[in-house]
Amino acid sequence: MIVPIVRDGVLQEWAIIELQGNLEFHSKNSSDKCFIGDLYYEKNDTPVLIIGMHILHGKELVLPKPLAVLEKKTSDETIGTEYVVNAIVKKKLVFKGRPKPIVADSTLNKSL
């Protein structure tokens, strides 16, 4: 999965997210774009992915060879097909561990 990385509201770069296992969800939305979760960076630049009520901690790696994100365009003015480079991907975010559930502190409920 290739996603844009936005920090402080500014698009900085694109990255590949690598997850272990399957990511399954059921959506009635027919569009290609769908919300999966939130991606954050801790103060030590460790990526954190929150999907529903689960959290994953990962690490950021540099790809040995950059990849290009291409968009296929066809028009009547040019003969054939044209590919436009939208971005260059230089990093990947690897999440190897199993997701951990986010559990609320049960002691808070007892004091109420």
N, C-alpha and C. Protein backbone atom coordinates (compact mmCIF):
# COMPACT_ATOMS: atom_id res chain seq x y z
N MET A 1 0.84 -1.15 0.00
CA MET A 1 0.00 0.00 0.00
C MET A 1 0.91 1.24 0.00
N ILE A 2 0.67 2.15 -0.89
CA ILE A 2 1.45 3.38 -0.97
C ILE A 2 0.56 4.53 -0.50
N VAL A 3 1.07 5.31 0.46
CA VAL A 3 0.28 6.40 1.02
C VAL A 3 1.11 7.67 1.09
N PRO A 4 0.46 8.83 0.95
CA PRO A 4 1.17 10.09 1.15
C PRO A 4 1.37 10.36 2.64
N ILE A 5 2.54 10.86 3.02
CA ILE A 5 2.84 11.19 4.41
C ILE A 5 2.71 12.71 4.56
N VAL A 6 1.80 13.13 5.42
CA VAL A 6 1.55 14.55 5.67
C VAL A 6 1.94 14.86 7.10
N ARG A 7 2.84 15.82 7.29
CA ARG A 7 3.23 16.27 8.62
C ARG A 7 2.95 17.76 8.73
N ASP A 8 2.27 18.14 9.80
CA ASP A 8 1.92 19.53 10.04
C ASP A 8 1.10 20.12 8.89
N GLY A 9 0.25 19.28 8.28
CA GLY A 9 -0.63 19.74 7.22
C GLY A 9 0.03 19.93 5.87
N VAL A 10 1.31 19.54 5.73
CA VAL A 10 2.04 19.71 4.47
C VAL A 10 2.46 18.34 3.95
N LEU A 11 2.18 18.08 2.67
CA LEU A 11 2.60 16.83 2.06
C LEU A 11 4.11 16.84 1.92
N GLN A 12 4.78 15.93 2.64
CA GLN A 12 6.23 15.90 2.60
C GLN A 12 6.77 14.83 1.66
N GLU A 13 6.15 13.65 1.70
CA GLU A 13 6.68 12.55 0.91
C GLU A 13 5.65 11.45 0.82
N TRP A 14 5.98 10.43 0.03
CA TRP A 14 5.16 9.25 -0.07
C TRP A 14 5.94 8.09 0.53
N ALA A 15 5.24 7.09 1.04
CA ALA A 15 5.89 5.93 1.62
C ALA A 15 5.05 4.69 1.37
N ILE A 16 5.70 3.54 1.45
CA ILE A 16 5.01 2.26 1.37
C ILE A 16 4.77 1.78 2.79
N ILE A 17 3.58 1.27 3.06
CA ILE A 17 3.29 0.67 4.35
C ILE A 17 3.27 -0.84 4.17
N GLU A 18 4.10 -1.51 4.97
CA GLU A 18 4.20 -2.97 4.91
C GLU A 18 3.63 -3.54 6.20
N LEU A 19 2.59 -4.36 6.06
CA LEU A 19 1.95 -5.00 7.20
C LEU A 19 2.11 -6.51 7.08
N GLN A 20 2.17 -7.20 8.20
CA GLN A 20 2.21 -8.65 8.21
C GLN A 20 0.79 -9.18 8.34
N GLY A 21 0.42 -10.15 7.52
CA GLY A 21 -0.93 -10.70 7.58
C GLY A 21 -1.86 -10.00 6.62
N ASN A 22 -3.13 -10.13 6.87
CA ASN A 22 -4.17 -9.56 6.01
C ASN A 22 -4.86 -8.40 6.70
N LEU A 23 -5.23 -7.43 5.92
CA LEU A 23 -6.01 -6.30 6.42
C LEU A 23 -7.36 -6.38 5.72
N GLU A 24 -8.38 -6.76 6.48
CA GLU A 24 -9.71 -6.93 5.92
C GLU A 24 -10.69 -5.97 6.58
N PHE A 25 -11.52 -5.37 5.77
CA PHE A 25 -12.58 -4.51 6.28
C PHE A 25 -13.72 -4.53 5.28
N HIS A 26 -14.90 -4.25 5.77
CA HIS A 26 -16.09 -4.27 4.93
C HIS A 26 -16.63 -2.86 4.82
N SER A 27 -16.71 -2.37 3.60
CA SER A 27 -17.17 -1.01 3.38
C SER A 27 -18.21 -1.00 2.28
N LYS A 28 -19.24 -0.21 2.46
CA LYS A 28 -20.26 -0.05 1.43
C LYS A 28 -19.90 1.08 0.48
N ASN A 29 -18.76 1.75 0.75
CA ASN A 29 -18.32 2.87 -0.08
C ASN A 29 -17.78 2.32 -1.40
N SER A 30 -18.26 2.80 -2.51
CA SER A 30 -17.85 2.28 -3.81
C SER A 30 -16.64 3.01 -4.40
N SER A 31 -16.14 4.05 -3.71
CA SER A 31 -15.00 4.78 -4.24
C SER A 31 -13.71 4.00 -3.97
N ASP A 32 -12.65 4.35 -4.69
CA ASP A 32 -11.36 3.67 -4.53
C ASP A 32 -10.68 4.04 -3.22
N LYS A 33 -10.98 5.22 -2.68
CA LYS A 33 -10.33 5.69 -1.46
C LYS A 33 -11.19 5.33 -0.26
N CYS A 34 -10.56 4.78 0.76
CA CYS A 34 -11.29 4.47 1.98
C CYS A 34 -10.36 4.67 3.17
N PHE A 35 -10.94 5.01 4.29
CA PHE A 35 -10.20 5.28 5.51
C PHE A 35 -9.85 3.95 6.18
N ILE A 36 -8.58 3.76 6.50
CA ILE A 36 -8.13 2.54 7.16
C ILE A 36 -7.79 2.82 8.61
N GLY A 37 -7.05 3.90 8.86
CA GLY A 37 -6.64 4.22 10.22
C GLY A 37 -5.84 5.50 10.25
N ASP A 38 -5.22 5.77 11.39
CA ASP A 38 -4.42 6.97 11.59
C ASP A 38 -2.95 6.59 11.71
N LEU A 39 -2.10 7.38 11.08
CA LEU A 39 -0.66 7.18 11.13
C LEU A 39 -0.04 8.37 11.83
N TYR A 40 0.70 8.10 12.89
CA TYR A 40 1.36 9.14 13.68
C TYR A 40 2.85 8.83 13.78
N TYR A 41 3.62 9.85 14.12
CA TYR A 41 5.03 9.67 14.43
C TYR A 41 5.26 10.10 15.86
N GLU A 42 5.95 9.24 16.63
CA GLU A 42 6.32 9.61 17.99
C GLU A 42 7.47 10.61 17.92
N LYS A 43 7.87 11.16 19.08
CA LYS A 43 8.93 12.16 19.11
C LYS A 43 10.26 11.63 18.60
N ASN A 44 10.49 10.32 18.72
CA ASN A 44 11.74 9.73 18.22
C ASN A 44 11.59 9.23 16.78
N ASP A 45 10.60 9.74 16.04
CA ASP A 45 10.32 9.42 14.64
C ASP A 45 9.95 7.96 14.41
N THR A 46 9.38 7.30 15.42
CA THR A 46 8.88 5.94 15.26
C THR A 46 7.44 6.02 14.76
N PRO A 47 7.11 5.35 13.63
CA PRO A 47 5.74 5.40 13.14
C PRO A 47 4.80 4.55 14.01
N VAL A 48 3.60 5.06 14.22
CA VAL A 48 2.57 4.38 14.99
C VAL A 48 1.30 4.38 14.14
N LEU A 49 0.73 3.19 13.93
CA LEU A 49 -0.47 3.04 13.12
C LEU A 49 -1.61 2.59 14.03
N ILE A 50 -2.71 3.34 14.01
CA ILE A 50 -3.89 2.99 14.81
C ILE A 50 -5.01 2.62 13.84
N ILE A 51 -5.45 1.37 13.95
CA ILE A 51 -6.54 0.86 13.12
C ILE A 51 -7.65 0.42 14.07
N GLY A 52 -8.73 1.15 14.08
CA GLY A 52 -9.84 0.83 14.99
C GLY A 52 -9.39 0.95 16.43
N MET A 53 -9.49 -0.14 17.18
CA MET A 53 -9.07 -0.17 18.58
C MET A 53 -7.76 -0.93 18.75
N HIS A 54 -6.92 -0.91 17.71
CA HIS A 54 -5.63 -1.61 17.76
C HIS A 54 -4.51 -0.65 17.38
N ILE A 55 -3.33 -0.88 17.97
CA ILE A 55 -2.18 -0.02 17.72
C ILE A 55 -1.00 -0.89 17.27
N LEU A 56 -0.24 -0.37 16.31
CA LEU A 56 0.96 -1.04 15.82
C LEU A 56 2.11 -0.06 15.85
N HIS A 57 3.26 -0.51 16.33
CA HIS A 57 4.48 0.29 16.33
C HIS A 57 5.39 -0.27 15.25
N GLY A 58 5.99 0.59 14.45
CA GLY A 58 6.82 0.14 13.35
C GLY A 58 8.15 0.85 13.31
N LYS A 59 8.80 0.71 12.15
CA LYS A 59 10.05 1.42 11.92
C LYS A 59 10.10 1.89 10.48
N GLU A 60 10.87 2.94 10.26
CA GLU A 60 10.99 3.55 8.93
C GLU A 60 12.29 3.10 8.30
N LEU A 61 12.22 2.58 7.07
CA LEU A 61 13.39 2.10 6.34
C LEU A 61 13.50 2.84 5.00
N VAL A 62 14.72 2.99 4.52
CA VAL A 62 14.96 3.60 3.21
C VAL A 62 14.99 2.48 2.18
N LEU A 63 14.27 2.66 1.07
CA LEU A 63 14.25 1.66 0.01
C LEU A 63 15.60 1.62 -0.70
N PRO A 64 16.07 0.44 -1.10
CA PRO A 64 17.34 0.36 -1.83
C PRO A 64 17.29 1.09 -3.18
N LYS A 65 16.11 1.03 -3.83
CA LYS A 65 15.89 1.75 -5.09
C LYS A 65 14.56 2.49 -4.99
N PRO A 66 14.52 3.78 -5.32
CA PRO A 66 13.25 4.52 -5.26
C PRO A 66 12.25 3.97 -6.27
N LEU A 67 10.97 4.14 -5.95
CA LEU A 67 9.88 3.75 -6.83
C LEU A 67 9.13 4.99 -7.29
N ALA A 68 8.54 4.93 -8.46
CA ALA A 68 7.77 6.06 -8.99
C ALA A 68 6.28 5.73 -8.92
N VAL A 69 5.48 6.72 -8.53
CA VAL A 69 4.02 6.60 -8.56
C VAL A 69 3.56 7.24 -9.86
N LEU A 70 3.03 6.42 -10.75
CA LEU A 70 2.65 6.89 -12.08
C LEU A 70 1.14 6.98 -12.23
N GLU A 71 0.72 7.90 -13.09
CA GLU A 71 -0.70 8.03 -13.43
C GLU A 71 -0.82 7.90 -14.94
N LYS A 72 -1.66 6.98 -15.36
CA LYS A 72 -1.85 6.73 -16.78
C LYS A 72 -2.86 7.73 -17.35
N LYS A 73 -2.48 8.40 -18.43
CA LYS A 73 -3.37 9.38 -19.07
C LYS A 73 -3.42 9.09 -20.56
N THR A 74 -4.62 9.15 -21.08
CA THR A 74 -4.81 9.04 -22.53
C THR A 74 -5.58 10.26 -22.99
N SER A 75 -5.18 10.80 -24.11
CA SER A 75 -5.87 11.97 -24.63
C SER A 75 -5.92 11.88 -26.15
N ASP A 76 -6.81 12.66 -26.73
CA ASP A 76 -6.95 12.68 -28.19
C ASP A 76 -5.82 13.46 -28.85
N GLU A 77 -5.18 14.37 -28.10
CA GLU A 77 -4.12 15.20 -28.68
C GLU A 77 -2.84 14.40 -28.93
N THR A 78 -2.53 13.48 -28.05
CA THR A 78 -1.32 12.68 -28.22
C THR A 78 -1.68 11.30 -28.72
N ILE A 79 -0.78 10.74 -29.46
CA ILE A 79 -1.01 9.39 -29.97
C ILE A 79 -0.52 8.40 -28.92
N GLY A 80 -1.40 7.52 -28.48
CA GLY A 80 -1.01 6.52 -27.50
C GLY A 80 -1.31 6.94 -26.08
N THR A 81 -0.55 6.35 -25.18
CA THR A 81 -0.76 6.55 -23.74
C THR A 81 0.42 7.30 -23.15
N GLU A 82 0.12 8.14 -22.18
CA GLU A 82 1.16 8.93 -21.51
C GLU A 82 1.12 8.60 -20.02
N TYR A 83 2.30 8.49 -19.42
CA TYR A 83 2.40 8.24 -17.98
C TYR A 83 3.03 9.46 -17.31
N VAL A 84 2.36 9.97 -16.28
CA VAL A 84 2.82 11.15 -15.56
C VAL A 84 3.31 10.69 -14.18
N VAL A 85 4.49 11.16 -13.78
CA VAL A 85 5.04 10.83 -12.47
C VAL A 85 4.40 11.75 -11.43
N ASN A 86 3.68 11.14 -10.47
CA ASN A 86 3.05 11.91 -9.40
C ASN A 86 3.97 12.08 -8.20
N ALA A 87 4.76 11.07 -7.92
CA ALA A 87 5.63 11.12 -6.73
C ALA A 87 6.73 10.09 -6.85
N ILE A 88 7.75 10.27 -6.03
CA ILE A 88 8.84 9.30 -5.90
C ILE A 88 8.80 8.77 -4.48
N VAL A 89 8.76 7.43 -4.34
CA VAL A 89 8.71 6.79 -3.02
C VAL A 89 10.12 6.35 -2.66
N LYS A 90 10.63 6.86 -1.52
CA LYS A 90 11.98 6.54 -1.09
C LYS A 90 12.03 5.78 0.23
N LYS A 91 10.88 5.69 0.95
CA LYS A 91 10.87 5.06 2.27
C LYS A 91 9.73 4.06 2.36
N LYS A 92 9.88 3.12 3.30
CA LYS A 92 8.76 2.25 3.64
C LYS A 92 8.65 2.16 5.15
N LEU A 93 7.43 2.02 5.60
CA LEU A 93 7.12 1.88 7.02
C LEU A 93 6.76 0.43 7.26
N VAL A 94 7.54 -0.26 8.08
CA VAL A 94 7.36 -1.69 8.32
C VAL A 94 6.75 -1.89 9.70
N PHE A 95 5.61 -2.60 9.72
CA PHE A 95 4.93 -2.95 10.97
C PHE A 95 4.94 -4.47 11.06
N LYS A 96 5.93 -5.03 11.79
CA LYS A 96 6.10 -6.48 11.88
C LYS A 96 5.30 -7.13 12.98
N GLY A 97 5.09 -6.41 14.06
CA GLY A 97 4.43 -7.01 15.22
C GLY A 97 2.94 -7.17 15.04
N ARG A 98 2.36 -7.95 15.96
CA ARG A 98 0.90 -8.11 15.97
C ARG A 98 0.27 -6.86 16.56
N PRO A 99 -0.93 -6.51 16.12
CA PRO A 99 -1.60 -5.34 16.69
C PRO A 99 -1.93 -5.58 18.16
N LYS A 100 -1.77 -4.54 18.95
CA LYS A 100 -2.10 -4.62 20.38
C LYS A 100 -3.40 -3.85 20.60
N PRO A 101 -4.31 -4.41 21.40
CA PRO A 101 -5.56 -3.69 21.64
C PRO A 101 -5.33 -2.46 22.50
N ILE A 102 -6.07 -1.42 22.21
CA ILE A 102 -6.05 -0.21 23.03
C ILE A 102 -7.12 -0.39 24.09
N VAL A 103 -6.69 -0.47 25.35
CA VAL A 103 -7.61 -0.73 26.45
C VAL A 103 -7.66 0.49 27.34
N ALA A 104 -8.85 0.92 27.67
CA ALA A 104 -9.02 2.05 28.58
C ALA A 104 -8.70 1.61 30.00
N ASP A 105 -8.24 2.52 30.82
CA ASP A 105 -7.90 2.23 32.20
C ASP A 105 -9.19 1.96 32.98
N SER A 106 -9.33 0.74 33.51
CA SER A 106 -10.56 0.37 34.22
C SER A 106 -10.67 1.01 35.60
N THR A 107 -9.55 1.52 36.13
CA THR A 107 -9.60 2.17 37.45
C THR A 107 -10.36 3.49 37.38
N LEU A 108 -10.42 4.12 36.21
CA LEU A 108 -11.16 5.37 36.07
C LEU A 108 -12.64 5.15 36.27
N ASN A 109 -13.16 4.04 35.78
CA ASN A 109 -14.59 3.75 35.89
C ASN A 109 -15.01 3.45 37.34
N LYS A 110 -14.11 2.89 38.14
CA LYS A 110 -14.44 2.54 39.52
C LYS A 110 -14.59 3.78 40.39
N SER A 111 -13.89 4.85 40.06
CA SER A 111 -13.97 6.04 40.90
C SER A 111 -15.23 6.85 40.64
N LEU A 112 -15.94 6.56 39.57
CA LEU A 112 -17.16 7.30 39.24
C LEU A 112 -18.31 6.81 40.01
